[in-house]
Amino acid sequence: MKKKIFFISIFLFFALIFFLSPISGDDWGNYIEGSKGLYKSITEAIGMYFSWEGRFISRILINILTYHKGLWNIVNGLVISVTIYLIIRIINPKKKIIYLLSLLVFLLMNIFTFSQVVPWLAGNITYLFVIPLLLLYFYYIFEDDRKLIISFSILNLFMTMFVEHMAVILVLSNILFLIYRFIRDKKVSKELIFYLFFSIIGTVVMLLSPGSLYRSSIENTDFSSLSMIGKIIYNIPNFIYYTFMINPYLIILLSIANIYLINKAFNNKLIKILLILFMNIIPILSTSLYLLSNFIKINSFLNDSHSIVLIIYYIIYILIFLYLIIKNNKNIFNKDMFFFIIGISSNIVMMISPTWGYRTSFATYIFLSIFSLLIINKNIKEKKIYTIITSGIIIISSIFYLTLYISTYRQYKENKSIIDKSIKENSKVIEIYRYPSFVNCNINPDSDYHLRVFKKYYNISEDTEVILLNNKWKYLILY
């Protein structure tokens, strides 16, 4: 009963936030497309496949659910609840504290990642919706469930058409599962061959879509002209920044996990102390300076992802983690190793891409958090103080987000009132208030495209000037 209340509470909390949250950025244009009906939503996705992108499945869902936002509010609340549920099922907790730590994966993620992946429909459907599908698939593969071959074959095709790097990760995951089953059973798994085949077909169909090829030919031409090695070297700072520096909660989980792994792997106390210090001081300082740099200017190699010292450090950091996982497990392939590899790989795949952002690193954050929680679950001792502290953090985080989105809703209502009044009075200038940058992604119509679809969404004439005034927020979250 307590578990049901836990997950129902998660659903209600996030659904409430979504009902308070207005659509923003690309959502304005997607709403207009969705308003033309289901048939148009599908034909528009087909058109974009040939003209702009291969993300066929996510594009259809974006067009439909953006127009029917009330439905999305409920569906997304369920998606997040199911994602947390699947994280917990994969970990199979021995301790109640894991339930709370799993919830904090969402509540304590980087606020800019949150703004791009949780309340912003375009980013949410593209980058989050595929995650519970992947976790469900991974869970059943680890459980050796072989009853759903047809369903999982279709799912492998379906999951590749949300976003490019997740398609590649699915193919990689199937290869890892195939190798593991071959080593364990001394034979090739037929169902995994089916899954791998369908995931490869879906990935090829997506990556080689005429729209994707055209888009890559006109965007970031300087980057595209680089060799494969050149692209990787160029993106190493992005990899360091978006994997480690921006994720304070992940660093905390990784630090706890590596302390447990080090303690089990070595008997020599001096080696333990030195390795624990090496694995934790720099990541904690680095991510702390990242947080501070949002408020004050800081110049240090510890918060500079282009620093050679920091780059070399994190390469060694990853290699040590791999060694510790192998050292602490009899079988090289296990859940710990799997989620660490696909977590790191989710951002490694991005190293041949010119486009990085908080949302592109979301899968890395989720998978490495699962890895850390797997380690913590096997080693942590149940103590009441842990539950009290974690519960307190959940309450504070929940109050923060609830306050933030009540304020966002209040400002939305005021801005909407100003717009409606100005349209009624045929004003040629509309002055509305700017939202904080860490609310929904692109919620302020700053670019030409966003301003154009913003006007269409609110029925503002094209020749009307929209002026964004400084916001009236207090203490960053109160309106």
Protein backbone atom coordinates (compact mmCIF):
# COMPACT_ATOMS: atom_id res chain seq x y z
CA MET A 1 0.00 0.00 0.00
CA LYS A 2 2.83 2.41 0.88
CA LYS A 3 4.47 1.75 -2.49
CA LYS A 4 1.23 2.56 -4.33
CA ILE A 5 0.89 5.82 -2.39
CA PHE A 6 4.53 6.63 -3.24
CA PHE A 7 4.02 6.28 -7.00
CA ILE A 8 0.56 7.89 -7.00
CA SER A 9 2.06 10.88 -5.15
CA ILE A 10 4.79 11.17 -7.78
CA PHE A 11 2.19 11.12 -10.56
CA LEU A 12 -0.04 13.73 -8.90
CA PHE A 13 2.90 16.03 -8.13
CA PHE A 14 4.28 16.07 -11.66
CA ALA A 15 0.83 16.23 -13.29
CA LEU A 16 0.07 19.31 -11.18
CA ILE A 17 3.30 20.97 -12.35
CA PHE A 18 2.39 20.24 -15.96
CA PHE A 19 -1.08 21.73 -15.58
CA LEU A 20 0.57 24.88 -14.20
CA SER A 21 3.17 25.01 -16.96
CA PRO A 22 2.44 26.84 -20.26
CA ILE A 23 3.74 25.63 -23.63
CA SER A 24 6.83 27.38 -24.95
CA GLY A 25 9.37 27.67 -27.76
CA ASP A 26 8.94 25.04 -30.47
CA ASP A 27 5.70 24.00 -28.76
CA TRP A 28 3.95 27.10 -30.17
CA GLY A 29 4.63 25.94 -33.72
CA ASN A 30 3.90 22.30 -32.90
CA TYR A 31 0.55 23.30 -31.38
CA ILE A 32 -0.40 25.01 -34.64
CA GLU A 33 0.48 21.86 -36.62
CA GLY A 34 -1.41 19.65 -34.16
CA SER A 35 -4.50 21.85 -34.43
CA LYS A 36 -4.87 20.74 -38.05
CA GLY A 37 -5.85 17.21 -36.98
CA LEU A 38 -4.40 13.71 -36.73
CA TYR A 39 -4.06 13.18 -40.46
CA LYS A 40 -2.11 16.42 -40.86
CA SER A 41 0.09 15.52 -37.86
CA ILE A 42 1.09 12.26 -39.54
CA THR A 43 1.58 13.74 -43.02
CA GLU A 44 3.63 16.59 -41.53
CA ALA A 45 5.88 14.02 -39.78
CA ILE A 46 6.28 12.20 -43.11
CA GLY A 47 7.11 15.49 -44.81
CA MET A 48 9.72 16.33 -42.18
CA TYR A 49 11.24 12.85 -42.62
CA PHE A 50 12.03 13.82 -46.19
CA SER A 51 12.86 17.47 -45.54
CA TRP A 52 14.35 17.92 -42.05
CA GLU A 53 14.66 14.96 -39.61
CA GLY A 54 14.23 11.21 -39.20
CA ARG A 55 12.57 11.41 -35.77
CA PHE A 56 9.31 10.06 -37.13
CA ILE A 57 7.70 8.64 -33.98
CA SER A 58 8.55 11.53 -31.66
CA ARG A 59 7.42 14.05 -34.30
CA ILE A 60 3.94 12.48 -34.54
CA LEU A 61 3.59 12.37 -30.75
CA ILE A 62 4.77 15.99 -30.44
CA ASN A 63 2.18 17.26 -32.91
CA ILE A 64 -0.68 15.33 -31.32
CA LEU A 65 0.13 15.84 -27.63
CA THR A 66 1.12 19.50 -27.87
CA TYR A 67 -2.32 20.37 -29.21
CA HIS A 68 -3.96 18.13 -26.60
CA LYS A 69 -1.82 19.41 -23.74
CA GLY A 70 -4.30 18.33 -21.06
CA LEU A 71 -3.78 14.76 -22.21
CA TRP A 72 0.01 15.29 -22.25
CA ASN A 73 -0.10 16.56 -18.66
CA ILE A 74 -1.52 13.22 -17.55
CA VAL A 75 0.53 11.04 -19.93
CA ASN A 76 3.79 12.73 -18.92
CA GLY A 77 2.96 12.37 -15.23
CA LEU A 78 2.55 8.65 -15.91
CA VAL A 79 5.75 8.51 -17.98
CA ILE A 80 7.83 9.98 -15.15
CA SER A 81 6.14 7.75 -12.54
CA VAL A 82 6.75 4.66 -14.68
CA THR A 83 10.37 5.69 -15.30
CA ILE A 84 11.04 5.94 -11.56
CA TYR A 85 9.16 2.65 -11.04
CA LEU A 86 11.33 0.90 -13.66
CA ILE A 87 14.53 2.32 -12.19
CA ILE A 88 13.50 0.79 -8.87
CA ARG A 89 12.51 -2.54 -10.46
CA ILE A 90 15.86 -2.78 -12.25
CA ILE A 91 17.72 -2.06 -9.00
CA ASN A 92 15.48 -4.43 -6.98
CA PRO A 93 16.07 -2.50 -3.75
CA LYS A 94 17.07 -4.15 -0.52
CA LYS A 95 16.69 -0.84 1.27
CA LYS A 96 13.81 1.66 1.34
CA ILE A 97 16.27 4.54 0.91
CA ILE A 98 16.69 3.53 -2.77
CA TYR A 99 13.07 4.54 -3.46
CA LEU A 100 13.80 8.04 -2.20
CA LEU A 101 17.16 8.32 -3.98
CA SER A 102 15.48 7.22 -7.23
CA LEU A 103 12.88 9.98 -6.92
CA LEU A 104 15.67 12.49 -6.35
CA VAL A 105 17.12 11.56 -9.76
CA PHE A 106 14.30 13.72 -11.16
CA LEU A 107 13.98 16.31 -8.40
CA LEU A 108 17.73 17.05 -8.20
CA MET A 109 18.67 16.95 -11.86
CA ASN A 110 20.27 20.09 -13.29
CA ILE A 111 17.50 22.71 -13.46
CA PHE A 112 18.29 23.49 -17.11
CA THR A 113 18.06 19.77 -17.93
CA PHE A 114 14.74 19.74 -16.08
CA SER A 115 13.50 22.74 -18.08
CA GLN A 116 14.37 21.06 -21.38
CA VAL A 117 13.27 17.49 -20.67
CA VAL A 118 10.40 17.61 -18.16
CA PRO A 119 7.94 20.54 -18.78
CA TRP A 120 8.92 21.44 -22.38
CA LEU A 121 6.86 19.18 -24.66
CA ALA A 122 9.21 19.05 -27.66
CA GLY A 123 12.22 18.09 -25.53
CA ASN A 124 10.18 15.90 -23.20
CA ILE A 125 8.66 13.70 -25.90
CA THR A 126 11.91 13.44 -27.86
CA TYR A 127 14.34 12.76 -25.02
CA LEU A 128 12.29 11.40 -22.09
CA PHE A 129 9.50 9.29 -23.61
CA VAL A 130 12.00 6.76 -25.02
CA ILE A 131 13.71 6.22 -21.65
CA PRO A 132 10.98 4.13 -19.92
CA LEU A 133 10.63 2.06 -23.10
CA LEU A 134 14.36 1.31 -23.02
CA LEU A 135 14.30 0.56 -19.29
CA LEU A 136 11.32 -1.79 -19.73
CA TYR A 137 13.18 -3.60 -22.51
CA PHE A 138 16.40 -3.84 -20.50
CA TYR A 139 14.51 -5.14 -17.48
CA TYR A 140 12.93 -8.02 -19.40
CA ILE A 141 16.20 -8.91 -21.13
CA PHE A 142 17.98 -9.09 -17.78
CA GLU A 143 15.12 -11.22 -16.46
CA ASP A 144 15.60 -13.61 -19.43
CA ASP A 145 11.95 -13.23 -20.41
CA ARG A 146 11.60 -14.73 -23.91
CA LYS A 147 7.82 -14.64 -24.30
CA LEU A 148 7.51 -11.27 -26.02
CA ILE A 149 9.67 -11.72 -29.11
CA ILE A 150 7.22 -10.13 -31.56
CA SER A 151 6.40 -7.23 -29.23
CA PHE A 152 10.06 -6.52 -28.49
CA SER A 153 11.01 -6.78 -32.17
CA ILE A 154 8.43 -4.08 -32.97
CA LEU A 155 9.57 -2.09 -29.93
CA ASN A 156 13.17 -2.19 -31.18
CA LEU A 157 12.04 -0.63 -34.44
CA PHE A 158 9.76 1.87 -32.68
CA MET A 159 12.36 3.06 -30.12
CA THR A 160 14.94 4.06 -32.74
CA MET A 161 12.74 6.83 -34.14
CA PHE A 162 12.67 9.17 -31.15
CA VAL A 163 16.19 10.63 -31.24
CA GLU A 164 19.41 9.65 -33.00
CA HIS A 165 21.84 8.87 -30.17
CA MET A 166 19.28 6.69 -28.35
CA ALA A 167 18.87 4.64 -31.54
CA VAL A 168 22.62 3.99 -31.58
CA ILE A 169 22.59 3.12 -27.86
CA LEU A 170 19.81 0.58 -28.45
CA VAL A 171 21.92 -1.11 -31.14
CA LEU A 172 24.93 -1.10 -28.80
CA SER A 173 22.81 -2.55 -25.98
CA ASN A 174 21.61 -5.39 -28.19
CA ILE A 175 25.18 -6.18 -29.21
CA LEU A 176 26.23 -6.29 -25.53
CA PHE A 177 23.29 -8.55 -24.65
CA LEU A 178 24.08 -10.81 -27.61
CA ILE A 179 27.74 -11.18 -26.58
CA TYR A 180 26.77 -11.86 -22.97
CA ARG A 181 24.24 -14.56 -23.89
CA PHE A 182 26.77 -16.19 -26.24
CA ILE A 183 29.42 -16.34 -23.52
CA ARG A 184 26.92 -17.60 -20.95
CA ASP A 185 24.98 -20.11 -23.05
CA LYS A 186 27.66 -21.01 -25.63
CA LYS A 187 25.19 -20.30 -28.42
CA VAL A 188 23.73 -17.38 -30.33
CA SER A 189 20.43 -16.06 -28.96
CA LYS A 190 17.89 -16.11 -31.80
CA GLU A 191 15.54 -13.57 -30.23
CA LEU A 192 18.41 -11.13 -29.64
CA ILE A 193 19.38 -11.49 -33.30
CA PHE A 194 15.82 -10.43 -34.16
CA TYR A 195 16.02 -7.47 -31.77
CA LEU A 196 19.41 -6.40 -33.11
CA PHE A 197 18.18 -6.69 -36.70
CA PHE A 198 15.13 -4.49 -36.10
CA SER A 199 17.10 -1.92 -34.08
CA ILE A 200 19.68 -1.65 -36.87
CA ILE A 201 16.96 -1.29 -39.53
CA GLY A 202 15.24 1.44 -37.51
CA THR A 203 18.51 3.26 -36.85
CA VAL A 204 19.52 3.20 -40.51
CA VAL A 205 16.06 4.38 -41.61
CA MET A 206 16.29 7.25 -39.15
CA LEU A 207 19.91 8.35 -39.67
CA LEU A 208 19.78 8.07 -43.46
CA SER A 209 16.45 9.84 -43.88
CA PRO A 210 16.55 12.43 -46.69
CA GLY A 211 15.66 15.10 -44.14
CA SER A 212 18.53 14.20 -41.80
CA LEU A 213 21.01 14.18 -44.67
CA TYR A 214 19.75 17.53 -45.96
CA ARG A 215 19.82 19.09 -42.50
CA SER A 216 23.40 17.95 -41.85
CA SER A 217 24.46 19.37 -45.22
CA ILE A 218 23.32 22.91 -44.37
CA GLU A 219 23.90 23.09 -40.60
CA ASN A 220 27.28 23.33 -38.88
CA THR A 221 29.20 22.97 -42.13
CA ASP A 222 32.54 23.76 -40.45
CA PHE A 223 32.06 20.91 -37.99
CA SER A 224 30.88 18.55 -40.74
CA SER A 225 34.09 19.21 -42.69
CA LEU A 226 36.20 17.83 -39.80
CA SER A 227 37.51 14.27 -39.87
CA MET A 228 36.09 11.73 -37.42
CA ILE A 229 39.12 12.22 -35.14
CA GLY A 230 38.77 15.97 -35.49
CA LYS A 231 35.13 15.85 -34.42
CA ILE A 232 35.95 13.73 -31.37
CA ILE A 233 38.80 16.02 -30.29
CA TYR A 234 36.55 19.05 -30.78
CA ASN A 235 33.83 17.51 -28.60
CA ILE A 236 35.93 16.21 -25.70
CA PRO A 237 35.23 19.38 -23.62
CA ASN A 238 31.50 18.95 -24.33
CA PHE A 239 31.71 15.35 -23.17
CA ILE A 240 33.38 16.36 -19.88
CA TYR A 241 30.99 19.25 -19.31
CA TYR A 242 27.71 17.46 -20.04
CA THR A 243 28.66 14.13 -18.45
CA PHE A 244 30.10 15.29 -15.15
CA MET A 245 30.29 19.03 -14.49
CA ILE A 246 26.60 19.94 -14.84
CA ASN A 247 25.27 17.06 -12.73
CA PRO A 248 25.88 17.62 -9.00
CA TYR A 249 23.45 14.92 -7.85
CA LEU A 250 25.01 12.37 -10.21
CA ILE A 251 28.47 13.24 -8.85
CA ILE A 252 27.20 12.63 -5.31
CA LEU A 253 25.83 9.22 -6.34
CA LEU A 254 29.02 8.32 -8.23
CA SER A 255 31.13 9.39 -5.24
CA ILE A 256 29.16 7.20 -2.83
CA ALA A 257 29.35 4.31 -5.32
CA ASN A 258 33.11 4.56 -5.87
CA ILE A 259 33.77 4.71 -2.12
CA TYR A 260 31.93 1.40 -1.71
CA LEU A 261 33.74 -0.13 -4.69
CA ILE A 262 37.17 1.02 -3.47
CA ASN A 263 36.56 -0.28 0.04
CA LYS A 264 35.65 -3.71 -1.32
CA ALA A 265 38.42 -3.85 -3.93
CA PHE A 266 41.43 -3.04 -1.72
CA ASN A 267 42.66 -4.07 1.71
CA ASN A 268 45.50 -1.55 2.01
CA LYS A 269 44.18 1.48 3.94
CA LEU A 270 46.62 3.95 2.36
CA ILE A 271 45.59 2.89 -1.16
CA LYS A 272 41.93 3.20 -0.17
CA ILE A 273 42.37 6.71 1.22
CA LEU A 274 44.45 7.98 -1.71
CA LEU A 275 42.09 6.49 -4.30
CA ILE A 276 38.97 7.81 -2.56
CA LEU A 277 40.51 11.29 -2.44
CA PHE A 278 41.57 11.07 -6.09
CA MET A 279 38.13 9.90 -7.26
CA ASN A 280 36.10 12.46 -5.34
CA ILE A 281 37.85 15.77 -4.59
CA ILE A 282 38.07 17.05 -8.18
CA PRO A 283 34.53 16.00 -9.30
CA ILE A 284 32.94 17.52 -6.18
CA LEU A 285 34.93 20.76 -6.51
CA SER A 286 34.29 20.92 -10.25
CA THR A 287 30.53 20.53 -10.02
CA SER A 288 30.39 22.88 -7.01
CA LEU A 289 32.19 25.57 -9.00
CA TYR A 290 29.74 24.98 -11.86
CA LEU A 291 26.88 25.77 -9.48
CA LEU A 292 28.61 28.88 -8.16
CA SER A 293 29.47 30.07 -11.66
CA ASN A 294 25.74 30.59 -12.29
CA PHE A 295 25.87 33.42 -9.75
CA ILE A 296 29.45 34.72 -9.80
CA LYS A 297 32.31 34.68 -12.28
CA ILE A 298 34.89 31.98 -11.49
CA ASN A 299 38.12 31.34 -13.36
CA SER A 300 39.60 27.96 -12.51
CA PHE A 301 40.76 24.90 -14.41
CA LEU A 302 38.30 22.96 -12.24
CA ASN A 303 35.31 24.55 -13.96
CA ASP A 304 36.90 24.75 -17.42
CA SER A 305 36.02 21.68 -19.48
CA HIS A 306 38.71 22.69 -22.00
CA SER A 307 41.42 22.28 -19.35
CA ILE A 308 43.89 19.56 -20.40
CA VAL A 309 44.35 18.63 -16.75
CA LEU A 310 40.61 18.13 -16.27
CA ILE A 311 40.26 16.17 -19.53
CA ILE A 312 43.09 13.80 -18.59
CA TYR A 313 41.67 13.45 -15.09
CA TYR A 314 38.20 12.38 -16.27
CA ILE A 315 39.65 9.88 -18.76
CA ILE A 316 41.54 8.27 -15.86
CA TYR A 317 38.41 8.57 -13.69
CA ILE A 318 36.36 6.54 -16.19
CA LEU A 319 39.10 3.90 -16.56
CA ILE A 320 39.38 3.50 -12.78
CA PHE A 321 35.61 3.06 -12.53
CA LEU A 322 35.77 0.31 -15.17
CA TYR A 323 38.56 -1.39 -13.22
CA LEU A 324 36.60 -1.16 -9.96
CA ILE A 325 33.49 -2.67 -11.57
CA ILE A 326 35.51 -5.60 -12.95
CA LYS A 327 37.37 -6.02 -9.65
CA ASN A 328 34.13 -6.22 -7.68
CA ASN A 329 32.24 -8.63 -9.96
CA LYS A 330 32.92 -12.24 -10.88
CA ASN A 331 31.17 -11.79 -14.22
CA ILE A 332 32.41 -8.94 -16.41
CA PHE A 333 28.95 -8.45 -17.91
CA ASN A 334 26.38 -7.54 -15.28
CA LYS A 335 23.90 -4.75 -14.61
CA ASP A 336 26.60 -2.55 -13.07
CA MET A 337 28.87 -2.77 -16.11
CA PHE A 338 25.98 -2.53 -18.58
CA PHE A 339 24.52 0.70 -17.23
CA PHE A 340 27.97 2.26 -16.78
CA ILE A 341 28.89 1.47 -20.39
CA ILE A 342 25.64 2.69 -21.96
CA GLY A 343 25.65 5.72 -19.64
CA ILE A 344 29.09 6.82 -20.76
CA SER A 345 28.38 5.75 -24.35
CA SER A 346 25.23 7.89 -24.55
CA ASN A 347 27.49 10.94 -24.50
CA ILE A 348 30.39 9.31 -26.38
CA VAL A 349 27.99 8.82 -29.31
CA MET A 350 27.33 12.57 -29.22
CA MET A 351 31.03 13.25 -29.91
CA ILE A 352 30.42 13.02 -33.65
CA SER A 353 27.54 15.50 -33.38
CA PRO A 354 27.82 19.30 -33.51
CA THR A 355 24.71 19.74 -31.35
CA TRP A 356 25.01 19.41 -27.57
CA GLY A 357 22.72 20.56 -24.81
CA TYR A 358 21.35 19.68 -21.42
CA ARG A 359 18.66 17.51 -23.01
CA THR A 360 21.12 15.47 -25.12
CA SER A 361 22.93 14.37 -21.94
CA PHE A 362 19.72 13.31 -20.15
CA ALA A 363 20.13 9.59 -20.96
CA THR A 364 23.71 9.64 -19.65
CA TYR A 365 22.45 11.18 -16.42
CA ILE A 366 19.70 8.53 -16.04
CA PHE A 367 21.83 5.48 -16.88
CA LEU A 368 24.80 6.53 -14.70
CA SER A 369 22.40 7.28 -11.85
CA ILE A 370 21.01 3.74 -12.17
CA PHE A 371 24.55 2.36 -12.16
CA SER A 372 25.36 4.29 -8.98
CA LEU A 373 22.13 3.23 -7.27
CA LEU A 374 22.85 -0.43 -8.12
CA ILE A 375 26.16 -0.14 -6.26
CA ILE A 376 24.66 1.80 -3.36
CA ASN A 377 21.80 -0.68 -3.00
CA LYS A 378 24.25 -3.58 -2.55
CA ASN A 379 26.30 -1.81 0.10
CA ILE A 380 24.34 0.81 2.03
CA LYS A 381 23.12 0.06 5.54
CA GLU A 382 19.59 1.01 6.46
CA LYS A 383 19.70 3.91 8.91
CA LYS A 384 16.81 6.09 9.99
CA ILE A 385 18.91 9.26 9.68
CA TYR A 386 19.44 8.56 5.94
CA THR A 387 15.68 8.33 5.42
CA ILE A 388 15.04 11.52 7.40
CA ILE A 389 17.67 13.53 5.49
CA THR A 390 16.57 12.21 2.08
CA SER A 391 12.89 12.80 2.86
CA GLY A 392 13.73 16.35 3.91
CA ILE A 393 15.54 16.98 0.62
CA ILE A 394 12.53 15.60 -1.31
CA ILE A 395 10.15 17.89 0.58
CA ILE A 396 12.35 20.97 -0.02
CA SER A 397 12.82 20.12 -3.72
CA SER A 398 9.09 19.52 -4.18
CA ILE A 399 8.24 22.86 -2.54
CA PHE A 400 10.81 24.56 -4.78
CA TYR A 401 9.31 23.20 -8.01
CA LEU A 402 5.74 23.72 -6.89
CA THR A 403 6.52 27.34 -5.98
CA LEU A 404 8.42 27.86 -9.24
CA TYR A 405 5.55 26.64 -11.41
CA ILE A 406 2.84 28.41 -9.45
CA SER A 407 4.85 31.59 -10.10
CA THR A 408 5.22 30.63 -13.77
CA TYR A 409 1.47 30.09 -14.04
CA ARG A 410 0.73 33.46 -12.41
CA GLN A 411 3.04 35.24 -14.83
CA TYR A 412 1.52 33.35 -17.76
CA LYS A 413 -1.97 34.49 -16.72
CA GLU A 414 -0.81 38.11 -16.44
CA ASN A 415 0.99 38.03 -19.80
CA LYS A 416 -2.02 36.36 -21.43
CA SER A 417 -4.29 39.07 -19.99
CA ILE A 418 -2.01 41.79 -21.38
CA ILE A 419 -1.96 40.12 -24.81
CA ASP A 420 -5.75 39.67 -24.94
CA LYS A 421 -6.33 43.28 -23.87
CA SER A 422 -3.83 44.62 -26.42
CA ILE A 423 -5.40 42.59 -29.25
CA LYS A 424 -8.86 43.87 -28.28
CA GLU A 425 -7.58 47.47 -28.32
CA ASN A 426 -5.68 46.94 -31.63
CA SER A 427 -2.38 47.95 -30.00
CA LYS A 428 0.65 47.94 -32.27
CA VAL A 429 3.01 47.37 -29.34
CA ILE A 430 2.56 44.66 -26.71
CA GLU A 431 4.72 44.71 -23.58
CA ILE A 432 4.89 41.45 -21.63
CA TYR A 433 7.19 40.21 -18.88
CA ARG A 434 10.18 37.98 -19.46
CA TYR A 435 10.34 34.62 -17.66
CA PRO A 436 13.52 33.43 -15.89
CA SER A 437 15.82 31.49 -18.24
CA PHE A 438 15.62 28.31 -16.12
CA VAL A 439 11.88 27.85 -16.56
CA ASN A 440 10.61 25.99 -19.66
CA CYS A 441 13.07 25.93 -22.55
CA ASN A 442 12.75 28.93 -24.91
CA ILE A 443 9.76 30.27 -22.99
CA ASN A 444 10.79 33.80 -24.02
CA PRO A 445 10.31 34.37 -27.80
CA ASP A 446 13.78 35.76 -28.47
CA SER A 447 14.55 34.25 -31.88
CA ASP A 448 12.82 35.25 -35.13
CA TYR A 449 11.22 31.81 -35.50
CA HIS A 450 9.95 31.65 -31.94
CA LEU A 451 8.57 35.19 -32.15
CA ARG A 452 6.75 34.32 -35.38
CA VAL A 453 5.06 31.16 -33.99
CA PHE A 454 4.44 32.93 -30.66
CA LYS A 455 2.39 35.55 -32.51
CA LYS A 456 0.48 32.89 -34.42
CA TYR A 457 -0.25 30.92 -31.25
CA TYR A 458 -1.61 34.00 -29.42
CA ASN A 459 -3.33 35.42 -32.55
CA ILE A 460 -1.12 38.53 -32.56
CA SER A 461 -0.86 40.30 -35.91
CA GLU A 462 2.49 40.04 -37.66
CA ASP A 463 3.07 43.79 -37.71
CA THR A 464 2.62 44.12 -33.92
CA GLU A 465 5.82 44.66 -31.96
CA VAL A 466 6.31 42.43 -28.90
CA ILE A 467 8.57 43.88 -26.19
CA LEU A 468 9.87 41.70 -23.37
CA LEU A 469 10.21 43.61 -20.10
CA ASN A 470 12.45 42.60 -17.21
CA ASN A 471 10.62 40.13 -15.02
CA LYS A 472 9.23 40.92 -11.57
CA TRP A 473 10.37 37.75 -9.83
CA LYS A 474 11.68 37.84 -6.27
CA TYR A 475 14.28 35.43 -4.89
CA LEU A 476 14.40 33.74 -8.31
CA ILE A 477 11.21 31.66 -7.76
CA LEU A 478 8.49 34.02 -6.49
CA TYR A 479 6.24 36.03 -8.83
